[in-house]
Amino acid sequence: MDEKQMQEMRIPGREHESLAPFIGTFRARVKLWMGPGDPLQSSGTMTTTRDLGGLFLRQEYQGDPSEGPFPAFEGRGFWGFNKATRKYEGFWIDNASSVMQHETGSVDASGKVWTMVGSMPDPGGGQPMTKRSVITLQDRDRHKLEMFFESGGRESRAMEIEYTRSR
């Protein structure tokens, strides 16, 4: 890689700008399926800012105090576009487990639906499982995350989060 290419790698492009609607503070309504039946429900606040010269989005989630398995849930993530691979990449950690979740994906032709895929150990036994996240931009004030896990050849819905911009 020459100096010009190195300089180009550090300048955000149109793919980075496509993530701008996610910047801000959003109220979150969370549904979590841990098996058959009705999901657990919770809420919280996601604050997303640009980081490192606009190359990445930095996500900070704070769950509202609640009863249940995650009474003081919080998480952190980064999301961006890798110019070298031409893929979107994400990274998420939270206080519900010690698993670092990595995903890679792309956006559809509409520029409103990102599909991200990664693998991670099943927290219940350590076996590999696939994680698929679908992030749908509904408008500049609302977006939705749907998460699915596949283990043993079966995919199941794990989570849905509806985000609404705080006013």
N, C-alpha and C. Protein backbone atom coordinates (compact mmCIF):
# COMPACT_ATOMS: atom_id res chain seq x y z
N MET A 1 0.85 -1.17 0.00
CA MET A 1 0.00 0.00 0.00
C MET A 1 0.89 1.23 0.00
N ASP A 2 0.62 2.14 -0.92
CA ASP A 2 1.42 3.36 -0.97
C ASP A 2 0.79 4.44 -0.08
N GLU A 3 1.47 5.57 0.02
CA GLU A 3 1.02 6.64 0.91
C GLU A 3 -0.35 7.18 0.53
N LYS A 4 -0.62 7.33 -0.77
CA LYS A 4 -1.92 7.83 -1.22
C LYS A 4 -3.04 6.87 -0.80
N GLN A 5 -2.83 5.58 -0.97
CA GLN A 5 -3.83 4.59 -0.57
C GLN A 5 -4.05 4.62 0.94
N MET A 6 -2.97 4.79 1.69
CA MET A 6 -3.09 4.88 3.15
C MET A 6 -3.93 6.09 3.54
N GLN A 7 -3.71 7.21 2.88
CA GLN A 7 -4.48 8.43 3.16
C GLN A 7 -5.96 8.21 2.84
N GLU A 8 -6.24 7.54 1.72
CA GLU A 8 -7.62 7.29 1.30
C GLU A 8 -8.37 6.41 2.31
N MET A 9 -7.68 5.47 2.94
CA MET A 9 -8.31 4.55 3.88
C MET A 9 -8.85 5.28 5.12
N ARG A 10 -8.29 6.43 5.44
CA ARG A 10 -8.72 7.12 6.66
C ARG A 10 -9.75 8.21 6.43
N ILE A 11 -10.22 8.33 5.19
CA ILE A 11 -11.24 9.33 4.86
C ILE A 11 -12.60 8.62 4.75
N PRO A 12 -13.57 9.02 5.58
CA PRO A 12 -14.89 8.39 5.47
C PRO A 12 -15.48 8.60 4.08
N GLY A 13 -16.18 7.58 3.59
CA GLY A 13 -16.80 7.63 2.28
C GLY A 13 -18.32 7.64 2.38
N ARG A 14 -18.97 7.46 1.24
CA ARG A 14 -20.44 7.47 1.21
C ARG A 14 -21.03 6.33 2.04
N GLU A 15 -20.30 5.21 2.13
CA GLU A 15 -20.78 4.09 2.95
C GLU A 15 -20.83 4.47 4.43
N HIS A 16 -19.84 5.26 4.87
CA HIS A 16 -19.84 5.74 6.25
C HIS A 16 -20.99 6.72 6.46
N GLU A 17 -21.23 7.56 5.47
CA GLU A 17 -22.30 8.54 5.58
C GLU A 17 -23.67 7.87 5.61
N SER A 18 -23.79 6.69 5.00
CA SER A 18 -25.08 5.98 5.02
C SER A 18 -25.48 5.58 6.44
N LEU A 19 -24.55 5.60 7.38
CA LEU A 19 -24.83 5.24 8.77
C LEU A 19 -25.29 6.45 9.60
N ALA A 20 -25.28 7.64 9.01
CA ALA A 20 -25.62 8.87 9.75
C ALA A 20 -27.00 8.84 10.41
N PRO A 21 -28.03 8.23 9.82
CA PRO A 21 -29.33 8.21 10.50
C PRO A 21 -29.34 7.49 11.85
N PHE A 22 -28.32 6.68 12.11
CA PHE A 22 -28.25 5.94 13.37
C PHE A 22 -27.62 6.77 14.50
N ILE A 23 -27.07 7.93 14.15
CA ILE A 23 -26.41 8.80 15.14
C ILE A 23 -27.47 9.53 15.94
N GLY A 24 -27.31 9.51 17.26
CA GLY A 24 -28.23 10.22 18.14
C GLY A 24 -28.58 9.36 19.34
N THR A 25 -29.60 9.79 20.05
CA THR A 25 -30.08 9.07 21.22
C THR A 25 -31.46 8.51 20.90
N PHE A 26 -31.61 7.21 21.13
CA PHE A 26 -32.84 6.50 20.77
C PHE A 26 -33.36 5.73 21.97
N ARG A 27 -34.67 5.75 22.16
CA ARG A 27 -35.31 4.87 23.13
C ARG A 27 -35.49 3.52 22.45
N ALA A 28 -35.27 2.47 23.21
CA ALA A 28 -35.31 1.11 22.67
C ALA A 28 -36.39 0.29 23.38
N ARG A 29 -37.18 -0.43 22.59
CA ARG A 29 -38.12 -1.43 23.11
C ARG A 29 -37.60 -2.79 22.66
N VAL A 30 -37.27 -3.63 23.63
CA VAL A 30 -36.58 -4.89 23.38
C VAL A 30 -37.50 -6.07 23.64
N LYS A 31 -37.48 -7.03 22.71
CA LYS A 31 -38.12 -8.33 22.92
C LYS A 31 -37.02 -9.38 22.80
N LEU A 32 -36.94 -10.27 23.78
CA LEU A 32 -35.90 -11.29 23.82
C LEU A 32 -36.55 -12.66 23.99
N TRP A 33 -36.32 -13.54 23.00
CA TRP A 33 -36.83 -14.89 23.07
C TRP A 33 -35.72 -15.80 23.56
N MET A 34 -35.96 -16.48 24.67
CA MET A 34 -34.98 -17.41 25.23
C MET A 34 -35.46 -18.85 25.08
N GLY A 35 -36.47 -19.04 24.25
CA GLY A 35 -37.08 -20.35 24.01
C GLY A 35 -38.49 -20.14 23.53
N PRO A 36 -39.27 -21.21 23.49
CA PRO A 36 -40.66 -21.08 23.04
C PRO A 36 -41.46 -20.19 23.99
N GLY A 37 -42.52 -19.61 23.46
CA GLY A 37 -43.38 -18.79 24.29
C GLY A 37 -43.16 -17.31 24.07
N ASP A 38 -43.77 -16.54 24.93
CA ASP A 38 -43.70 -15.09 24.83
C ASP A 38 -42.30 -14.59 25.16
N PRO A 39 -41.88 -13.51 24.52
CA PRO A 39 -40.54 -12.98 24.80
C PRO A 39 -40.51 -12.19 26.10
N LEU A 40 -39.30 -12.09 26.68
CA LEU A 40 -39.06 -11.14 27.75
C LEU A 40 -39.06 -9.76 27.11
N GLN A 41 -39.51 -8.76 27.84
CA GLN A 41 -39.53 -7.41 27.29
C GLN A 41 -38.81 -6.46 28.22
N SER A 42 -38.10 -5.53 27.63
CA SER A 42 -37.40 -4.52 28.41
C SER A 42 -37.26 -3.26 27.57
N SER A 43 -36.64 -2.26 28.13
CA SER A 43 -36.43 -1.00 27.42
C SER A 43 -35.10 -0.40 27.85
N GLY A 44 -34.68 0.59 27.12
CA GLY A 44 -33.42 1.24 27.43
C GLY A 44 -33.16 2.39 26.49
N THR A 45 -31.93 2.88 26.53
CA THR A 45 -31.52 4.00 25.70
C THR A 45 -30.21 3.66 24.99
N MET A 46 -30.20 3.86 23.66
CA MET A 46 -29.00 3.68 22.85
C MET A 46 -28.53 5.06 22.41
N THR A 47 -27.28 5.37 22.73
CA THR A 47 -26.67 6.61 22.28
C THR A 47 -25.55 6.25 21.31
N THR A 48 -25.65 6.78 20.09
CA THR A 48 -24.69 6.46 19.04
C THR A 48 -24.03 7.74 18.56
N THR A 49 -22.69 7.73 18.53
CA THR A 49 -21.92 8.89 18.11
C THR A 49 -20.90 8.46 17.05
N ARG A 50 -20.40 9.42 16.30
CA ARG A 50 -19.29 9.15 15.39
C ARG A 50 -18.02 9.06 16.24
N ASP A 51 -17.08 8.22 15.77
CA ASP A 51 -15.84 8.06 16.51
C ASP A 51 -14.69 7.92 15.51
N LEU A 52 -13.51 8.27 15.96
CA LEU A 52 -12.27 8.12 15.19
C LEU A 52 -12.39 8.75 13.80
N GLY A 53 -12.72 10.04 13.81
CA GLY A 53 -12.77 10.79 12.56
C GLY A 53 -13.94 10.44 11.67
N GLY A 54 -14.97 9.84 12.21
CA GLY A 54 -16.15 9.49 11.42
C GLY A 54 -16.08 8.14 10.74
N LEU A 55 -15.01 7.38 11.00
CA LEU A 55 -14.89 6.06 10.38
C LEU A 55 -15.79 5.02 11.05
N PHE A 56 -16.17 5.27 12.29
CA PHE A 56 -16.95 4.29 13.04
C PHE A 56 -18.08 4.96 13.80
N LEU A 57 -19.13 4.18 14.06
CA LEU A 57 -20.16 4.59 15.00
C LEU A 57 -19.86 3.90 16.31
N ARG A 58 -19.95 4.65 17.38
CA ARG A 58 -19.76 4.10 18.73
C ARG A 58 -21.13 4.03 19.38
N GLN A 59 -21.52 2.85 19.84
CA GLN A 59 -22.83 2.62 20.43
C GLN A 59 -22.68 2.38 21.93
N GLU A 60 -23.53 3.04 22.72
CA GLU A 60 -23.56 2.83 24.17
C GLU A 60 -25.01 2.62 24.56
N TYR A 61 -25.30 1.44 25.11
CA TYR A 61 -26.66 1.09 25.49
C TYR A 61 -26.76 0.99 27.00
N GLN A 62 -27.81 1.58 27.54
CA GLN A 62 -28.09 1.48 28.96
C GLN A 62 -29.53 1.04 29.12
N GLY A 63 -29.70 -0.16 29.66
CA GLY A 63 -31.04 -0.67 29.90
C GLY A 63 -31.68 0.02 31.08
N ASP A 64 -33.00 0.14 31.01
CA ASP A 64 -33.74 0.66 32.16
C ASP A 64 -33.70 -0.40 33.26
N PRO A 65 -33.67 0.00 34.52
CA PRO A 65 -33.70 -1.00 35.60
C PRO A 65 -34.94 -1.88 35.45
N SER A 66 -34.74 -3.19 35.60
CA SER A 66 -35.86 -4.12 35.45
C SER A 66 -35.59 -5.38 36.24
N GLU A 67 -36.64 -6.14 36.43
CA GLU A 67 -36.49 -7.45 37.05
C GLU A 67 -36.18 -8.44 35.93
N GLY A 68 -35.79 -9.63 36.28
CA GLY A 68 -35.49 -10.64 35.27
C GLY A 68 -34.01 -10.95 35.22
N PRO A 69 -33.59 -11.63 34.16
CA PRO A 69 -32.21 -12.11 34.11
C PRO A 69 -31.16 -11.01 33.87
N PHE A 70 -31.58 -9.82 33.40
CA PHE A 70 -30.63 -8.75 33.09
C PHE A 70 -31.09 -7.44 33.74
N PRO A 71 -31.03 -7.34 35.07
CA PRO A 71 -31.62 -6.19 35.77
C PRO A 71 -30.89 -4.87 35.53
N ALA A 72 -29.63 -4.90 35.18
CA ALA A 72 -28.85 -3.67 34.95
C ALA A 72 -28.06 -3.83 33.66
N PHE A 73 -28.76 -4.16 32.56
CA PHE A 73 -28.10 -4.46 31.29
C PHE A 73 -27.46 -3.22 30.70
N GLU A 74 -26.23 -3.41 30.21
CA GLU A 74 -25.56 -2.37 29.43
C GLU A 74 -24.66 -3.02 28.40
N GLY A 75 -24.44 -2.30 27.30
CA GLY A 75 -23.61 -2.84 26.23
C GLY A 75 -22.90 -1.74 25.47
N ARG A 76 -21.89 -2.16 24.71
CA ARG A 76 -21.10 -1.24 23.88
C ARG A 76 -20.85 -1.89 22.53
N GLY A 77 -20.82 -1.06 21.51
CA GLY A 77 -20.54 -1.59 20.19
C GLY A 77 -19.88 -0.58 19.29
N PHE A 78 -19.34 -1.09 18.21
CA PHE A 78 -18.79 -0.27 17.14
C PHE A 78 -19.31 -0.83 15.83
N TRP A 79 -19.54 0.06 14.87
CA TRP A 79 -20.06 -0.34 13.57
C TRP A 79 -19.44 0.58 12.54
N GLY A 80 -19.01 0.04 11.42
CA GLY A 80 -18.40 0.86 10.39
C GLY A 80 -18.29 0.13 9.07
N PHE A 81 -17.66 0.79 8.13
CA PHE A 81 -17.45 0.21 6.80
C PHE A 81 -15.95 0.05 6.58
N ASN A 82 -15.54 -1.17 6.23
CA ASN A 82 -14.14 -1.49 5.98
C ASN A 82 -13.88 -1.28 4.49
N LYS A 83 -13.13 -0.24 4.15
CA LYS A 83 -12.86 0.07 2.74
C LYS A 83 -12.04 -1.01 2.05
N ALA A 84 -11.23 -1.73 2.81
CA ALA A 84 -10.38 -2.77 2.20
C ALA A 84 -11.21 -3.98 1.75
N THR A 85 -12.15 -4.40 2.58
CA THR A 85 -12.98 -5.58 2.25
C THR A 85 -14.28 -5.20 1.56
N ARG A 86 -14.63 -3.90 1.59
CA ARG A 86 -15.89 -3.40 1.03
C ARG A 86 -17.09 -4.00 1.76
N LYS A 87 -16.95 -4.23 3.07
CA LYS A 87 -18.01 -4.79 3.89
C LYS A 87 -18.24 -3.92 5.13
N TYR A 88 -19.48 -3.93 5.61
CA TYR A 88 -19.77 -3.32 6.90
C TYR A 88 -19.34 -4.32 7.97
N GLU A 89 -18.84 -3.82 9.08
CA GLU A 89 -18.39 -4.68 10.17
C GLU A 89 -18.91 -4.13 11.49
N GLY A 90 -19.25 -5.03 12.39
CA GLY A 90 -19.74 -4.64 13.70
C GLY A 90 -19.12 -5.48 14.79
N PHE A 91 -19.13 -4.93 15.98
CA PHE A 91 -18.54 -5.56 17.15
C PHE A 91 -19.41 -5.17 18.34
N TRP A 92 -19.82 -6.13 19.17
CA TRP A 92 -20.69 -5.84 20.31
C TRP A 92 -20.23 -6.62 21.53
N ILE A 93 -20.25 -5.94 22.68
CA ILE A 93 -20.01 -6.58 23.97
C ILE A 93 -21.06 -6.05 24.95
N ASP A 94 -21.40 -6.87 25.94
CA ASP A 94 -22.34 -6.41 26.96
C ASP A 94 -22.09 -7.17 28.26
N ASN A 95 -22.80 -6.79 29.30
CA ASN A 95 -22.57 -7.40 30.61
C ASN A 95 -23.43 -8.65 30.84
N ALA A 96 -24.07 -9.17 29.78
CA ALA A 96 -24.83 -10.42 29.90
C ALA A 96 -23.96 -11.65 29.67
N SER A 97 -22.77 -11.45 29.06
CA SER A 97 -21.85 -12.58 28.85
C SER A 97 -20.46 -12.04 28.53
N SER A 98 -19.49 -12.93 28.51
CA SER A 98 -18.11 -12.53 28.18
C SER A 98 -17.82 -12.72 26.70
N VAL A 99 -18.84 -12.97 25.88
CA VAL A 99 -18.67 -13.20 24.44
C VAL A 99 -18.52 -11.88 23.70
N MET A 100 -17.49 -11.79 22.86
CA MET A 100 -17.33 -10.65 21.96
C MET A 100 -17.97 -11.05 20.64
N GLN A 101 -18.97 -10.29 20.22
CA GLN A 101 -19.72 -10.63 19.01
C GLN A 101 -19.22 -9.79 17.84
N HIS A 102 -18.81 -10.46 16.77
CA HIS A 102 -18.32 -9.81 15.55
C HIS A 102 -19.27 -10.16 14.41
N GLU A 103 -19.53 -9.20 13.53
CA GLU A 103 -20.39 -9.44 12.38
C GLU A 103 -19.83 -8.72 11.16
N THR A 104 -20.15 -9.26 10.00
CA THR A 104 -19.76 -8.66 8.73
C THR A 104 -20.96 -8.74 7.78
N GLY A 105 -21.15 -7.71 6.96
CA GLY A 105 -22.29 -7.79 6.06
C GLY A 105 -22.33 -6.67 5.05
N SER A 106 -23.53 -6.46 4.51
CA SER A 106 -23.72 -5.48 3.45
C SER A 106 -25.11 -4.87 3.58
N VAL A 107 -25.33 -3.82 2.80
CA VAL A 107 -26.62 -3.15 2.76
C VAL A 107 -27.27 -3.48 1.42
N ASP A 108 -28.59 -3.55 1.39
CA ASP A 108 -29.29 -3.88 0.15
C ASP A 108 -29.31 -2.68 -0.80
N ALA A 109 -29.87 -2.88 -1.98
CA ALA A 109 -29.90 -1.84 -3.01
C ALA A 109 -30.67 -0.59 -2.58
N SER A 110 -31.64 -0.74 -1.69
CA SER A 110 -32.41 0.41 -1.21
C SER A 110 -31.60 1.29 -0.27
N GLY A 111 -30.51 0.74 0.28
CA GLY A 111 -29.71 1.46 1.25
C GLY A 111 -30.35 1.55 2.61
N LYS A 112 -31.36 0.68 2.87
CA LYS A 112 -32.10 0.75 4.13
C LYS A 112 -32.10 -0.53 4.94
N VAL A 113 -31.56 -1.62 4.39
CA VAL A 113 -31.56 -2.89 5.12
C VAL A 113 -30.16 -3.49 5.10
N TRP A 114 -29.54 -3.55 6.29
CA TRP A 114 -28.23 -4.15 6.44
C TRP A 114 -28.42 -5.58 6.96
N THR A 115 -27.71 -6.53 6.37
CA THR A 115 -27.72 -7.90 6.87
C THR A 115 -26.29 -8.23 7.28
N MET A 116 -26.14 -8.55 8.55
CA MET A 116 -24.83 -8.81 9.14
C MET A 116 -24.80 -10.24 9.65
N VAL A 117 -23.69 -10.95 9.41
CA VAL A 117 -23.58 -12.35 9.84
C VAL A 117 -22.25 -12.54 10.56
N GLY A 118 -22.28 -13.34 11.60
CA GLY A 118 -21.07 -13.68 12.33
C GLY A 118 -21.25 -15.02 13.01
N SER A 119 -20.18 -15.49 13.59
CA SER A 119 -20.28 -16.72 14.37
C SER A 119 -19.74 -16.44 15.76
N MET A 120 -20.22 -17.22 16.70
CA MET A 120 -19.82 -17.04 18.09
C MET A 120 -20.08 -18.34 18.83
N PRO A 121 -19.44 -18.53 19.97
CA PRO A 121 -19.74 -19.73 20.75
C PRO A 121 -21.10 -19.60 21.42
N ASP A 122 -21.85 -20.67 21.42
CA ASP A 122 -23.13 -20.72 22.13
C ASP A 122 -22.82 -20.54 23.62
N PRO A 123 -23.36 -19.47 24.25
CA PRO A 123 -23.05 -19.24 25.67
C PRO A 123 -23.46 -20.42 26.56
N GLY A 124 -24.40 -21.23 26.10
CA GLY A 124 -24.86 -22.35 26.91
C GLY A 124 -23.98 -23.58 26.85
N GLY A 125 -23.06 -23.66 25.90
CA GLY A 125 -22.24 -24.86 25.81
C GLY A 125 -20.95 -24.69 25.04
N GLY A 126 -20.75 -23.52 24.45
CA GLY A 126 -19.50 -23.27 23.75
C GLY A 126 -19.43 -23.75 22.32
N GLN A 127 -20.47 -24.46 21.85
CA GLN A 127 -20.48 -24.93 20.47
C GLN A 127 -20.66 -23.74 19.52
N PRO A 128 -20.07 -23.81 18.31
CA PRO A 128 -20.22 -22.69 17.38
C PRO A 128 -21.68 -22.49 16.96
N MET A 129 -22.07 -21.25 16.83
CA MET A 129 -23.39 -20.93 16.30
C MET A 129 -23.28 -19.67 15.45
N THR A 130 -24.21 -19.53 14.52
CA THR A 130 -24.23 -18.39 13.62
C THR A 130 -25.22 -17.35 14.13
N LYS A 131 -24.82 -16.11 14.04
CA LYS A 131 -25.67 -14.98 14.41
C LYS A 131 -25.94 -14.17 13.15
N ARG A 132 -27.20 -13.89 12.89
CA ARG A 132 -27.58 -13.04 11.75
C ARG A 132 -28.41 -11.88 12.28
N SER A 133 -27.97 -10.68 11.95
CA SER A 133 -28.69 -9.48 12.36
C SER A 133 -29.19 -8.76 11.12
N VAL A 134 -30.43 -8.30 11.18
CA VAL A 134 -31.02 -7.50 10.10
C VAL A 134 -31.40 -6.16 10.71
N ILE A 135 -30.79 -5.09 10.20
CA ILE A 135 -31.02 -3.75 10.69
C ILE A 135 -31.79 -3.00 9.60
N THR A 136 -32.99 -2.57 9.92
CA THR A 136 -33.84 -1.91 8.93
C THR A 136 -34.04 -0.46 9.33
N LEU A 137 -33.62 0.44 8.44
CA LEU A 137 -33.81 1.87 8.64
C LEU A 137 -35.21 2.21 8.13
N GLN A 138 -36.11 2.55 9.05
CA GLN A 138 -37.48 2.87 8.66
C GLN A 138 -37.60 4.33 8.21
N ASP A 139 -36.96 5.22 8.92
CA ASP A 139 -36.82 6.63 8.55
C ASP A 139 -35.73 7.21 9.45
N ARG A 140 -35.49 8.51 9.38
CA ARG A 140 -34.38 9.08 10.15
C ARG A 140 -34.59 9.01 11.66
N ASP A 141 -35.81 8.69 12.10
CA ASP A 141 -36.09 8.66 13.52
C ASP A 141 -36.40 7.26 14.06
N ARG A 142 -36.47 6.26 13.18
CA ARG A 142 -36.83 4.92 13.63
C ARG A 142 -36.04 3.87 12.85
N HIS A 143 -35.56 2.87 13.59
CA HIS A 143 -34.96 1.71 12.96
C HIS A 143 -35.19 0.49 13.84
N LYS A 144 -34.99 -0.68 13.24
CA LYS A 144 -35.27 -1.93 13.95
C LYS A 144 -34.12 -2.89 13.73
N LEU A 145 -33.79 -3.62 14.79
CA LEU A 145 -32.79 -4.69 14.74
C LEU A 145 -33.51 -6.01 15.02
N GLU A 146 -33.34 -6.97 14.13
CA GLU A 146 -33.84 -8.32 14.35
C GLU A 146 -32.64 -9.25 14.37
N MET A 147 -32.55 -10.11 15.38
CA MET A 147 -31.40 -10.99 15.53
C MET A 147 -31.87 -12.45 15.56
N PHE A 148 -31.12 -13.28 14.84
CA PHE A 148 -31.42 -14.70 14.74
C PHE A 148 -30.16 -15.49 15.05
N PHE A 149 -30.32 -16.63 15.72
CA PHE A 149 -29.21 -17.54 15.99
C PHE A 149 -29.49 -18.86 15.30
N GLU A 150 -28.44 -19.46 14.74
CA GLU A 150 -28.54 -20.79 14.15
C GLU A 150 -27.59 -21.72 14.86
N SER A 151 -28.13 -22.80 15.35
CA SER A 151 -27.33 -23.80 16.02
C SER A 151 -27.92 -25.16 15.68
N GLY A 152 -27.08 -26.09 15.30
CA GLY A 152 -27.57 -27.41 14.94
C GLY A 152 -28.41 -27.41 13.68
N GLY A 153 -28.17 -26.45 12.78
CA GLY A 153 -28.90 -26.40 11.51
C GLY A 153 -30.26 -25.72 11.58
N ARG A 154 -30.63 -25.19 12.75
CA ARG A 154 -31.93 -24.52 12.89
C ARG A 154 -31.72 -23.07 13.30
N GLU A 155 -32.37 -22.17 12.57
CA GLU A 155 -32.31 -20.76 12.92
C GLU A 155 -33.54 -20.40 13.74
N SER A 156 -33.33 -19.61 14.79
CA SER A 156 -34.45 -19.16 15.61
C SER A 156 -34.31 -17.67 15.91
N ARG A 157 -35.45 -17.03 16.01
CA ARG A 157 -35.48 -15.61 16.35
C ARG A 157 -35.04 -15.47 17.80
N ALA A 158 -34.14 -14.54 18.05
CA ALA A 158 -33.62 -14.34 19.40
C ALA A 158 -34.01 -12.98 19.98
N MET A 159 -34.04 -11.96 19.12
CA MET A 159 -34.25 -10.62 19.66
C MET A 159 -34.83 -9.71 18.59
N GLU A 160 -35.60 -8.74 19.07
CA GLU A 160 -36.08 -7.65 18.22
C GLU A 160 -35.99 -6.39 19.05
N ILE A 161 -35.39 -5.35 18.47
CA ILE A 161 -35.30 -4.05 19.16
C ILE A 161 -35.82 -2.99 18.23
N GLU A 162 -36.80 -2.23 18.70
CA GLU A 162 -37.33 -1.10 17.96
C GLU A 162 -36.78 0.18 18.59
N TYR A 163 -36.12 0.98 17.77
CA TYR A 163 -35.50 2.22 18.24
C TYR A 163 -36.28 3.43 17.73
N THR A 164 -36.55 4.38 18.62
CA THR A 164 -37.21 5.63 18.26
C THR A 164 -36.37 6.78 18.80
N ARG A 165 -36.05 7.73 17.92
CA ARG A 165 -35.21 8.86 18.32
C ARG A 165 -35.85 9.64 19.46
N SER A 166 -35.04 9.96 20.47
CA SER A 166 -35.51 10.78 21.60
C SER A 166 -35.62 12.22 21.14
N ARG A 167 -36.59 12.90 21.65
CA ARG A 167 -36.80 14.31 21.28
C ARG A 167 -36.51 15.21 22.44
